Amino acid sequence: MLKWCKDLRIGEGVKRADKIRRKLNHGKIVPGVYLITFSENPRNLLEIIPALTMIQQSAADICPEIIGLAGDKDEAVDMVVEIIQEVYDATGDFRIEEYWKNR
């Protein structure tokens, strides 16, 4: 099962986020939606993952905590920029996961 942040960011292009989450949790196809996650790679701050990859059980099993849902790739990029800017403005650094979990 996917790990979802309790304070999930949902983009304006996402309609019926609860239904999308339910489908993703059950391994169903959800085209056009992108997930924003913490990065497992220390060189990256966040990851943008097409929701379609979550139909592969192996991808869903290793997916980091999801902090955002976007309706398309452009919205996902904008959301990542907003999150990074928010963290930097609040803390002066880029420790996104630490900030996110302690706010």
PDB file of N, CA and C in Angstrom:
ATOM      1  N   MET A   1       0.842  -1.181   0.000  1.00  0.00           N
ATOM      2  CA  MET A   1       0.000   0.000   0.000  1.00  0.00           C
ATOM      3  C   MET A   1       0.886   1.243   0.000  1.00  0.00           C
ATOM      4  N   LEU A   2       0.426   2.260  -0.675  1.00  0.00           N
ATOM      5  CA  LEU A   2       1.167   3.513  -0.767  1.00  0.00           C
ATOM      6  C   LEU A   2       1.103   4.273   0.550  1.00  0.00           C
ATOM      7  N   LYS A   3       2.156   5.060   0.800  1.00  0.00           N
ATOM      8  CA  LYS A   3       2.208   5.887   2.004  1.00  0.00           C
ATOM      9  C   LYS A   3       1.822   7.310   1.621  1.00  0.00           C
ATOM     10  N   TRP A   4       0.806   7.851   2.261  1.00  0.00           N
ATOM     11  CA  TRP A   4       0.291   9.181   1.957  1.00  0.00           C
ATOM     12  C   TRP A   4       0.543  10.110   3.133  1.00  0.00           C
ATOM     13  N   CYS A   5       0.998  11.301   2.853  1.00  0.00           N
ATOM     14  CA  CYS A   5       1.160  12.335   3.870  1.00  0.00           C
ATOM     15  C   CYS A   5      -0.223  12.780   4.326  1.00  0.00           C
ATOM     16  N   LYS A   6      -0.387  13.029   5.647  1.00  0.00           N
ATOM     17  CA  LYS A   6      -1.712  13.469   6.094  1.00  0.00           C
ATOM     18  C   LYS A   6      -2.043  14.859   5.603  1.00  0.00           C
ATOM     19  N   ASP A   7      -1.028  15.670   5.322  1.00  0.00           N
ATOM     20  CA  ASP A   7      -1.245  17.023   4.803  1.00  0.00           C
ATOM     21  C   ASP A   7      -0.935  17.038   3.298  1.00  0.00           C
ATOM     22  N   LEU A   8      -1.625  16.183   2.552  1.00  0.00           N
ATOM     23  CA  LEU A   8      -1.384  16.009   1.121  1.00  0.00           C
ATOM     24  C   LEU A   8      -1.731  17.280   0.352  1.00  0.00           C
ATOM     25  N   ARG A   9      -0.800  17.717  -0.507  1.00  0.00           N
ATOM     26  CA  ARG A   9      -1.076  18.856  -1.388  1.00  0.00           C
ATOM     27  C   ARG A   9      -1.789  18.328  -2.623  1.00  0.00           C
ATOM     28  N   ILE A  10      -2.870  18.976  -2.978  1.00  0.00           N
ATOM     29  CA  ILE A  10      -3.644  18.552  -4.147  1.00  0.00           C
ATOM     30  C   ILE A  10      -3.724  19.710  -5.122  1.00  0.00           C
ATOM     31  N   GLY A  11      -3.261  19.484  -6.340  1.00  0.00           N
ATOM     32  CA  GLY A  11      -3.271  20.517  -7.361  1.00  0.00           C
ATOM     33  C   GLY A  11      -4.670  20.830  -7.855  1.00  0.00           C
ATOM     34  N   GLU A  12      -4.811  22.011  -8.434  1.00  0.00           N
ATOM     35  CA  GLU A  12      -6.110  22.449  -8.950  1.00  0.00           C
ATOM     36  C   GLU A  12      -6.617  21.560 -10.077  1.00  0.00           C
ATOM     37  N   GLY A  13      -5.711  20.936 -10.810  1.00  0.00           N
ATOM     38  CA  GLY A  13      -6.098  20.081 -11.923  1.00  0.00           C
ATOM     39  C   GLY A  13      -6.561  18.695 -11.508  1.00  0.00           C
ATOM     40  N   VAL A  14      -6.511  18.401 -10.221  1.00  0.00           N
ATOM     41  CA  VAL A  14      -6.918  17.083  -9.725  1.00  0.00           C
ATOM     42  C   VAL A  14      -8.384  17.133  -9.311  1.00  0.00           C
ATOM     43  N   LYS A  15      -9.168  16.328  -9.951  1.00  0.00           N
ATOM     44  CA  LYS A  15     -10.589  16.217  -9.622  1.00  0.00           C
ATOM     45  C   LYS A  15     -10.814  14.899  -8.879  1.00  0.00           C
ATOM     46  N   ARG A  16     -11.553  14.959  -7.798  1.00  0.00           N
ATOM     47  CA  ARG A  16     -11.900  13.772  -7.003  1.00  0.00           C
ATOM     48  C   ARG A  16     -10.656  13.051  -6.489  1.00  0.00           C
ATOM     49  N   ALA A  17      -9.880  13.765  -5.706  1.00  0.00           N
ATOM     50  CA  ALA A  17      -8.626  13.233  -5.168  1.00  0.00           C
ATOM     51  C   ALA A  17      -8.839  11.954  -4.363  1.00  0.00           C
ATOM     52  N   ASP A  18      -9.919  11.860  -3.612  1.00  0.00           N
ATOM     53  CA  ASP A  18     -10.174  10.651  -2.820  1.00  0.00           C
ATOM     54  C   ASP A  18     -10.322   9.424  -3.714  1.00  0.00           C
ATOM     55  N   LYS A  19     -11.012   9.601  -4.828  1.00  0.00           N
ATOM     56  CA  LYS A  19     -11.197   8.491  -5.771  1.00  0.00           C
ATOM     57  C   LYS A  19      -9.853   8.092  -6.388  1.00  0.00           C
ATOM     58  N   ILE A  20      -9.036   9.083  -6.724  1.00  0.00           N
ATOM     59  CA  ILE A  20      -7.716   8.808  -7.299  1.00  0.00           C
ATOM     60  C   ILE A  20      -6.861   8.047  -6.290  1.00  0.00           C
ATOM     61  N   ARG A  21      -6.856   8.489  -5.044  1.00  0.00           N
ATOM     62  CA  ARG A  21      -6.077   7.800  -4.009  1.00  0.00           C
ATOM     63  C   ARG A  21      -6.537   6.356  -3.849  1.00  0.00           C
ATOM     64  N   ARG A  22      -7.833   6.153  -3.836  1.00  0.00           N
ATOM     65  CA  ARG A  22      -8.382   4.801  -3.689  1.00  0.00           C
ATOM     66  C   ARG A  22      -7.936   3.914  -4.853  1.00  0.00           C
ATOM     67  N   LYS A  23      -8.035   4.449  -6.074  1.00  0.00           N
ATOM     68  CA  LYS A  23      -7.617   3.675  -7.252  1.00  0.00           C
ATOM     69  C   LYS A  23      -6.128   3.328  -7.179  1.00  0.00           C
ATOM     70  N   LEU A  24      -5.312   4.308  -6.824  1.00  0.00           N
ATOM     71  CA  LEU A  24      -3.875   4.057  -6.731  1.00  0.00           C
ATOM     72  C   LEU A  24      -3.560   3.016  -5.662  1.00  0.00           C
ATOM     73  N   ASN A  25      -4.235   3.093  -4.535  1.00  0.00           N
ATOM     74  CA  ASN A  25      -4.009   2.118  -3.463  1.00  0.00           C
ATOM     75  C   ASN A  25      -4.381   0.704  -3.876  1.00  0.00           C
ATOM     76  N   HIS A  26      -5.279   0.585  -4.852  1.00  0.00           N
ATOM     77  CA  HIS A  26      -5.696  -0.733  -5.332  1.00  0.00           C
ATOM     78  C   HIS A  26      -5.007  -1.128  -6.643  1.00  0.00           C
ATOM     79  N   GLY A  27      -3.985  -0.378  -7.048  1.00  0.00           N
ATOM     80  CA  GLY A  27      -3.213  -0.733  -8.237  1.00  0.00           C
ATOM     81  C   GLY A  27      -3.921  -0.484  -9.552  1.00  0.00           C
ATOM     82  N   LYS A  28      -4.903   0.399  -9.561  1.00  0.00           N
ATOM     83  CA  LYS A  28      -5.648   0.708 -10.786  1.00  0.00           C
ATOM     84  C   LYS A  28      -4.937   1.801 -11.591  1.00  0.00           C
ATOM     85  N   ILE A  29      -5.243   1.867 -12.866  1.00  0.00           N
ATOM     86  CA  ILE A  29      -4.653   2.860 -13.763  1.00  0.00           C
ATOM     87  C   ILE A  29      -5.312   4.217 -13.533  1.00  0.00           C
ATOM     88  N   VAL A  30      -4.466   5.233 -13.353  1.00  0.00           N
ATOM     89  CA  VAL A  30      -4.941   6.613 -13.207  1.00  0.00           C
ATOM     90  C   VAL A  30      -4.082   7.471 -14.144  1.00  0.00           C
ATOM     91  N   PRO A  31      -4.517   7.646 -15.392  1.00  0.00           N
ATOM     92  CA  PRO A  31      -3.700   8.389 -16.356  1.00  0.00           C
ATOM     93  C   PRO A  31      -3.695   9.891 -16.088  1.00  0.00           C
ATOM     94  N   GLY A  32      -2.584  10.527 -16.440  1.00  0.00           N
ATOM     95  CA  GLY A  32      -2.490  11.980 -16.389  1.00  0.00           C
ATOM     96  C   GLY A  32      -2.218  12.572 -15.027  1.00  0.00           C
ATOM     97  N   VAL A  33      -2.115  11.757 -13.999  1.00  0.00           N
ATOM     98  CA  VAL A  33      -1.868  12.252 -12.645  1.00  0.00           C
ATOM     99  C   VAL A  33      -0.403  12.011 -12.299  1.00  0.00           C
ATOM    100  N   TYR A  34       0.171  12.957 -11.575  1.00  0.00           N
ATOM    101  CA  TYR A  34       1.564  12.849 -11.141  1.00  0.00           C
ATOM    102  C   TYR A  34       1.634  12.939  -9.629  1.00  0.00           C
ATOM    103  N   LEU A  35       2.555  12.177  -9.054  1.00  0.00           N
ATOM    104  CA  LEU A  35       2.756  12.146  -7.612  1.00  0.00           C
ATOM    105  C   LEU A  35       4.025  12.911  -7.262  1.00  0.00           C
ATOM    106  N   ILE A  36       3.973  13.676  -6.182  1.00  0.00           N
ATOM    107  CA  ILE A  36       5.156  14.347  -5.652  1.00  0.00           C
ATOM    108  C   ILE A  36       5.545  13.562  -4.405  1.00  0.00           C
ATOM    109  N   THR A  37       6.794  13.109  -4.352  1.00  0.00           N
ATOM    110  CA  THR A  37       7.252  12.323  -3.211  1.00  0.00           C
ATOM    111  C   THR A  37       8.574  12.868  -2.695  1.00  0.00           C
ATOM    112  N   PHE A  38       8.896  12.478  -1.460  1.00  0.00           N
ATOM    113  CA  PHE A  38      10.248  12.715  -0.979  1.00  0.00           C
ATOM    114  C   PHE A  38      11.173  11.867  -1.833  1.00  0.00           C
ATOM    115  N   SER A  39      12.429  12.275  -1.932  1.00  0.00           N
ATOM    116  CA  SER A  39      13.377  11.540  -2.754  1.00  0.00           C
ATOM    117  C   SER A  39      14.191  10.575  -1.905  1.00  0.00           C
ATOM    118  N   GLU A  40      14.403   9.394  -2.431  1.00  0.00           N
ATOM    119  CA  GLU A  40      15.291   8.427  -1.791  1.00  0.00           C
ATOM    120  C   GLU A  40      16.746   8.738  -2.137  1.00  0.00           C
ATOM    121  N   ASN A  41      16.955   9.497  -3.194  1.00  0.00           N
ATOM    122  CA  ASN A  41      18.298   9.878  -3.635  1.00  0.00           C
ATOM    123  C   ASN A  41      18.708  11.151  -2.897  1.00  0.00           C
ATOM    124  N   PRO A  42      19.795  11.131  -2.135  1.00  0.00           N
ATOM    125  CA  PRO A  42      20.188  12.323  -1.378  1.00  0.00           C
ATOM    126  C   PRO A  42      20.554  13.523  -2.253  1.00  0.00           C
ATOM    127  N   ARG A  43      20.775  13.318  -3.528  1.00  0.00           N
ATOM    128  CA  ARG A  43      21.097  14.433  -4.429  1.00  0.00           C
ATOM    129  C   ARG A  43      19.848  15.162  -4.924  1.00  0.00           C
ATOM    130  N   ASN A  44      18.694  14.566  -4.723  1.00  0.00           N
ATOM    131  CA  ASN A  44      17.437  15.173  -5.169  1.00  0.00           C
ATOM    132  C   ASN A  44      16.626  15.628  -3.966  1.00  0.00           C
ATOM    133  N   LEU A  45      15.847  16.673  -4.149  1.00  0.00           N
ATOM    134  CA  LEU A  45      14.991  17.157  -3.068  1.00  0.00           C
ATOM    135  C   LEU A  45      13.651  16.434  -3.066  1.00  0.00           C
ATOM    136  N   LEU A  46      13.016  16.380  -4.230  1.00  0.00           N
ATOM    137  CA  LEU A  46      11.716  15.729  -4.387  1.00  0.00           C
ATOM    138  C   LEU A  46      11.713  14.955  -5.697  1.00  0.00           C
ATOM    139  N   GLU A  47      10.736  14.104  -5.851  1.00  0.00           N
ATOM    140  CA  GLU A  47      10.568  13.342  -7.091  1.00  0.00           C
ATOM    141  C   GLU A  47       9.178  13.602  -7.660  1.00  0.00           C
ATOM    142  N   ILE A  48       9.100  13.615  -8.978  1.00  0.00           N
ATOM    143  CA  ILE A  48       7.820  13.667  -9.691  1.00  0.00           C
ATOM    144  C   ILE A  48       7.669  12.321 -10.388  1.00  0.00           C
ATOM    145  N   ILE A  49       6.617  11.602 -10.025  1.00  0.00           N
ATOM    146  CA  ILE A  49       6.425  10.242 -10.533  1.00  0.00           C
ATOM    147  C   ILE A  49       5.065  10.148 -11.219  1.00  0.00           C
ATOM    148  N   PRO A  50       5.017   9.677 -12.472  1.00  0.00           N
ATOM    149  CA  PRO A  50       3.709   9.456 -13.101  1.00  0.00           C
ATOM    150  C   PRO A  50       2.937   8.386 -12.324  1.00  0.00           C
ATOM    151  N   ALA A  51       1.688   8.653 -12.041  1.00  0.00           N
ATOM    152  CA  ALA A  51       0.870   7.703 -11.278  1.00  0.00           C
ATOM    153  C   ALA A  51       0.752   6.363 -11.995  1.00  0.00           C
ATOM    154  N   LEU A  52       0.891   6.355 -13.309  1.00  0.00           N
ATOM    155  CA  LEU A  52       0.809   5.101 -14.067  1.00  0.00           C
ATOM    156  C   LEU A  52       1.843   4.078 -13.610  1.00  0.00           C
ATOM    157  N   THR A  53       2.980   4.542 -13.096  1.00  0.00           N
ATOM    158  CA  THR A  53       4.011   3.595 -12.657  1.00  0.00           C
ATOM    159  C   THR A  53       3.576   2.812 -11.422  1.00  0.00           C
ATOM    160  N   MET A  54       2.559   3.286 -10.729  1.00  0.00           N
ATOM    161  CA  MET A  54       2.123   2.618  -9.503  1.00  0.00           C
ATOM    162  C   MET A  54       1.308   1.359  -9.765  1.00  0.00           C
ATOM    163  N   ILE A  55       0.986   1.080 -11.046  1.00  0.00           N
ATOM    164  CA  ILE A  55       0.302  -0.183 -11.331  1.00  0.00           C
ATOM    165  C   ILE A  55       1.280  -1.349 -11.214  1.00  0.00           C
ATOM    166  N   GLN A  56       2.574  -1.051 -11.264  1.00  0.00           N
ATOM    167  CA  GLN A  56       3.594  -2.073 -11.042  1.00  0.00           C
ATOM    168  C   GLN A  56       3.762  -2.231  -9.536  1.00  0.00           C
ATOM    169  N   GLN A  57       3.458  -3.387  -9.023  1.00  0.00           N
ATOM    170  CA  GLN A  57       3.499  -3.606  -7.575  1.00  0.00           C
ATOM    171  C   GLN A  57       4.879  -3.300  -7.001  1.00  0.00           C
ATOM    172  N   SER A  58       5.931  -3.636  -7.749  1.00  0.00           N
ATOM    173  CA  SER A  58       7.284  -3.377  -7.242  1.00  0.00           C
ATOM    174  C   SER A  58       7.538  -1.882  -7.080  1.00  0.00           C
ATOM    175  N   ALA A  59       7.009  -1.063  -7.978  1.00  0.00           N
ATOM    176  CA  ALA A  59       7.166   0.393  -7.865  1.00  0.00           C
ATOM    177  C   ALA A  59       6.358   0.923  -6.691  1.00  0.00           C
ATOM    178  N   ALA A  60       5.161   0.425  -6.521  1.00  0.00           N
ATOM    179  CA  ALA A  60       4.314   0.871  -5.408  1.00  0.00           C
ATOM    180  C   ALA A  60       4.932   0.493  -4.067  1.00  0.00           C
ATOM    181  N   ASP A  61       5.576  -0.673  -4.011  1.00  0.00           N
ATOM    182  CA  ASP A  61       6.177  -1.135  -2.758  1.00  0.00           C
ATOM    183  C   ASP A  61       7.325  -0.250  -2.294  1.00  0.00           C
ATOM    184  N   ILE A  62       8.073   0.319  -3.238  1.00  0.00           N
ATOM    185  CA  ILE A  62       9.238   1.128  -2.860  1.00  0.00           C
ATOM    186  C   ILE A  62       8.984   2.628  -2.961  1.00  0.00           C
ATOM    187  N   CYS A  63       7.777   3.021  -3.285  1.00  0.00           N
ATOM    188  CA  CYS A  63       7.454   4.438  -3.443  1.00  0.00           C
ATOM    189  C   CYS A  63       7.587   5.160  -2.102  1.00  0.00           C
ATOM    190  N   PRO A  64       8.360   6.262  -2.064  1.00  0.00           N
ATOM    191  CA  PRO A  64       8.448   7.047  -0.822  1.00  0.00           C
ATOM    192  C   PRO A  64       7.103   7.690  -0.496  1.00  0.00           C
ATOM    193  N   GLU A  65       7.023   8.305   0.668  1.00  0.00           N
ATOM    194  CA  GLU A  65       5.789   8.959   1.095  1.00  0.00           C
ATOM    195  C   GLU A  65       5.353  10.003   0.070  1.00  0.00           C
ATOM    196  N   ILE A  66       4.077   9.992  -0.279  1.00  0.00           N
ATOM    197  CA  ILE A  66       3.521  10.913  -1.274  1.00  0.00           C
ATOM    198  C   ILE A  66       3.039  12.165  -0.558  1.00  0.00           C
ATOM    199  N   ILE A  67       3.537  13.323  -1.012  1.00  0.00           N
ATOM    200  CA  ILE A  67       3.149  14.583  -0.366  1.00  0.00           C
ATOM    201  C   ILE A  67       2.307  15.465  -1.281  1.00  0.00           C
ATOM    202  N   GLY A  68       2.162  15.077  -2.565  1.00  0.00           N
ATOM    203  CA  GLY A  68       1.375  15.888  -3.479  1.00  0.00           C
ATOM    204  C   GLY A  68       0.802  15.097  -4.637  1.00  0.00           C
ATOM    205  N   LEU A  69      -0.349  15.560  -5.124  1.00  0.00           N
ATOM    206  CA  LEU A  69      -1.004  15.019  -6.317  1.00  0.00           C
ATOM    207  C   LEU A  69      -1.189  16.166  -7.294  1.00  0.00           C
ATOM    208  N   ALA A  70      -0.768  15.971  -8.536  1.00  0.00           N
ATOM    209  CA  ALA A  70      -0.903  17.013  -9.553  1.00  0.00           C
ATOM    210  C   ALA A  70      -1.656  16.460 -10.755  1.00  0.00           C
ATOM    211  N   GLY A  71      -2.395  17.338 -11.423  1.00  0.00           N
ATOM    212  CA  GLY A  71      -3.222  16.943 -12.552  1.00  0.00           C
ATOM    213  C   GLY A  71      -2.468  16.749 -13.851  1.00  0.00           C
ATOM    214  N   ASP A  72      -1.260  17.299 -13.955  1.00  0.00           N
ATOM    215  CA  ASP A  72      -0.414  17.100 -15.134  1.00  0.00           C
ATOM    216  C   ASP A  72       1.031  17.421 -14.760  1.00  0.00           C
ATOM    217  N   LYS A  73       1.930  17.202 -15.691  1.00  0.00           N
ATOM    218  CA  LYS A  73       3.365  17.375 -15.414  1.00  0.00           C
ATOM    219  C   LYS A  73       3.700  18.824 -15.068  1.00  0.00           C
ATOM    220  N   ASP A  74       3.128  19.778 -15.802  1.00  0.00           N
ATOM    221  CA  ASP A  74       3.409  21.189 -15.517  1.00  0.00           C
ATOM    222  C   ASP A  74       2.962  21.568 -14.116  1.00  0.00           C
ATOM    223  N   GLU A  75       1.794  21.107 -13.734  1.00  0.00           N
ATOM    224  CA  GLU A  75       1.307  21.397 -12.387  1.00  0.00           C
ATOM    225  C   GLU A  75       2.215  20.749 -11.335  1.00  0.00           C
ATOM    226  N   ALA A  76       2.723  19.564 -11.623  1.00  0.00           N
ATOM    227  CA  ALA A  76       3.638  18.887 -10.700  1.00  0.00           C
ATOM    228  C   ALA A  76       4.919  19.694 -10.519  1.00  0.00           C
ATOM    229  N   VAL A  77       5.464  20.199 -11.619  1.00  0.00           N
ATOM    230  CA  VAL A  77       6.679  21.020 -11.541  1.00  0.00           C
ATOM    231  C   VAL A  77       6.404  22.284 -10.731  1.00  0.00           C
ATOM    232  N   ASP A  78       5.286  22.936 -10.994  1.00  0.00           N
ATOM    233  CA  ASP A  78       4.917  24.138 -10.235  1.00  0.00           C
ATOM    234  C   ASP A  78       4.766  23.829  -8.747  1.00  0.00           C
ATOM    235  N   MET A  79       4.170  22.696  -8.440  1.00  0.00           N
ATOM    236  CA  MET A  79       3.969  22.312  -7.048  1.00  0.00           C
ATOM    237  C   MET A  79       5.310  22.068  -6.347  1.00  0.00           C
ATOM    238  N   VAL A  80       6.234  21.420  -7.036  1.00  0.00           N
ATOM    239  CA  VAL A  80       7.563  21.183  -6.470  1.00  0.00           C
ATOM    240  C   VAL A  80       8.260  22.509  -6.188  1.00  0.00           C
ATOM    241  N   VAL A  81       8.184  23.438  -7.127  1.00  0.00           N
ATOM    242  CA  VAL A  81       8.793  24.760  -6.934  1.00  0.00           C
ATOM    243  C   VAL A  81       8.180  25.447  -5.711  1.00  0.00           C
ATOM    244  N   GLU A  82       6.859  25.397  -5.583  1.00  0.00           N
ATOM    245  CA  GLU A  82       6.178  26.023  -4.438  1.00  0.00           C
ATOM    246  C   GLU A  82       6.622  25.401  -3.116  1.00  0.00           C
ATOM    247  N   ILE A  83       6.718  24.086  -3.075  1.00  0.00           N
ATOM    248  CA  ILE A  83       7.123  23.398  -1.845  1.00  0.00           C
ATOM    249  C   ILE A  83       8.550  23.771  -1.469  1.00  0.00           C
ATOM    250  N   ILE A  84       9.451  23.733  -2.442  1.00  0.00           N
ATOM    251  CA  ILE A  84      10.847  24.072  -2.167  1.00  0.00           C
ATOM    252  C   ILE A  84      10.957  25.514  -1.702  1.00  0.00           C
ATOM    253  N   GLN A  85      10.235  26.419  -2.349  1.00  0.00           N
ATOM    254  CA  GLN A  85      10.270  27.833  -1.959  1.00  0.00           C
ATOM    255  C   GLN A  85       9.723  28.019  -0.544  1.00  0.00           C
ATOM    256  N   GLU A  86       8.638  27.331  -0.233  1.00  0.00           N
ATOM    257  CA  GLU A  86       8.052  27.413   1.114  1.00  0.00           C
ATOM    258  C   GLU A  86       9.056  26.971   2.182  1.00  0.00           C
ATOM    259  N   VAL A  87       9.720  25.852   1.936  1.00  0.00           N
ATOM    260  CA  VAL A  87      10.698  25.333   2.899  1.00  0.00           C
ATOM    261  C   VAL A  87      11.868  26.295   3.040  1.00  0.00           C
ATOM    262  N   TYR A  88      12.369  26.797   1.928  1.00  0.00           N
ATOM    263  CA  TYR A  88      13.509  27.717   1.986  1.00  0.00           C
ATOM    264  C   TYR A  88      13.132  29.009   2.708  1.00  0.00           C
ATOM    265  N   ASP A  89      11.962  29.558   2.414  1.00  0.00           N
ATOM    266  CA  ASP A  89      11.520  30.793   3.071  1.00  0.00           C
ATOM    267  C   ASP A  89      11.366  30.603   4.579  1.00  0.00           C
ATOM    268  N   ALA A  90      10.898  29.432   4.987  1.00  0.00           N
ATOM    269  CA  ALA A  90      10.651  29.176   6.408  1.00  0.00           C
ATOM    270  C   ALA A  90      11.914  28.821   7.187  1.00  0.00           C
ATOM    271  N   THR A  91      12.872  28.165   6.518  1.00  0.00           N
ATOM    272  CA  THR A  91      14.023  27.627   7.256  1.00  0.00           C
ATOM    273  C   THR A  91      15.375  28.144   6.790  1.00  0.00           C
ATOM    274  N   GLY A  92      15.446  28.660   5.579  1.00  0.00           N
ATOM    275  CA  GLY A  92      16.731  29.095   5.037  1.00  0.00           C
ATOM    276  C   GLY A  92      17.570  27.958   4.483  1.00  0.00           C
ATOM    277  N   ASP A  93      17.025  26.758   4.440  1.00  0.00           N
ATOM    278  CA  ASP A  93      17.741  25.637   3.828  1.00  0.00           C
ATOM    279  C   ASP A  93      16.761  24.753   3.052  1.00  0.00           C
ATOM    280  N   PHE A  94      17.257  23.602   2.618  1.00  0.00           N
ATOM    281  CA  PHE A  94      16.462  22.747   1.737  1.00  0.00           C
ATOM    282  C   PHE A  94      16.177  21.373   2.346  1.00  0.00           C
ATOM    283  N   ARG A  95      16.074  21.290   3.646  1.00  0.00           N
ATOM    284  CA  ARG A  95      15.760  20.014   4.310  1.00  0.00           C
ATOM    285  C   ARG A  95      14.242  19.804   4.288  1.00  0.00           C
ATOM    286  N   ILE A  96      13.772  19.424   3.137  1.00  0.00           N
ATOM    287  CA  ILE A  96      12.328  19.367   2.898  1.00  0.00           C
ATOM    288  C   ILE A  96      11.642  18.313   3.757  1.00  0.00           C
ATOM    289  N   GLU A  97      12.180  17.114   3.782  1.00  0.00           N
ATOM    290  CA  GLU A  97      11.518  16.045   4.539  1.00  0.00           C
ATOM    291  C   GLU A  97      11.477  16.379   6.031  1.00  0.00           C
ATOM    292  N   GLU A  98      12.565  16.894   6.556  1.00  0.00           N
ATOM    293  CA  GLU A  98      12.618  17.279   7.976  1.00  0.00           C
ATOM    294  C   GLU A  98      11.586  18.367   8.278  1.00  0.00           C
ATOM    295  N   TYR A  99      11.542  19.390   7.434  1.00  0.00           N
ATOM    296  CA  TYR A  99      10.580  20.479   7.619  1.00  0.00           C
ATOM    297  C   TYR A  99       9.143  19.958   7.542  1.00  0.00           C
ATOM    298  N   TRP A 100       8.886  19.129   6.529  1.00  0.00           N
ATOM    299  CA  TRP A 100       7.531  18.651   6.272  1.00  0.00           C
ATOM    300  C   TRP A 100       6.994  17.842   7.448  1.00  0.00           C
ATOM    301  N   LYS A 101       7.852  17.024   8.034  1.00  0.00           N
ATOM    302  CA  LYS A 101       7.402  16.146   9.114  1.00  0.00           C
ATOM    303  C   LYS A 101       7.320  16.851  10.462  1.00  0.00           C
ATOM    304  N   ASN A 102       7.952  18.015  10.593  1.00  0.00           N
ATOM    305  CA  ASN A 102       7.970  18.722  11.876  1.00  0.00           C
ATOM    306  C   ASN A 102       7.116  19.978  11.905  1.00  0.00           C
ATOM    307  N   ARG A 103       6.351  20.223  10.885  1.00  0.00           N
ATOM    308  CA  ARG A 103       5.560  21.462  10.896  1.00  0.00           C
ATOM    309  C   ARG A 103       4.216  21.269  11.525  1.00  0.00           C
TER     310      ARG A 103
END
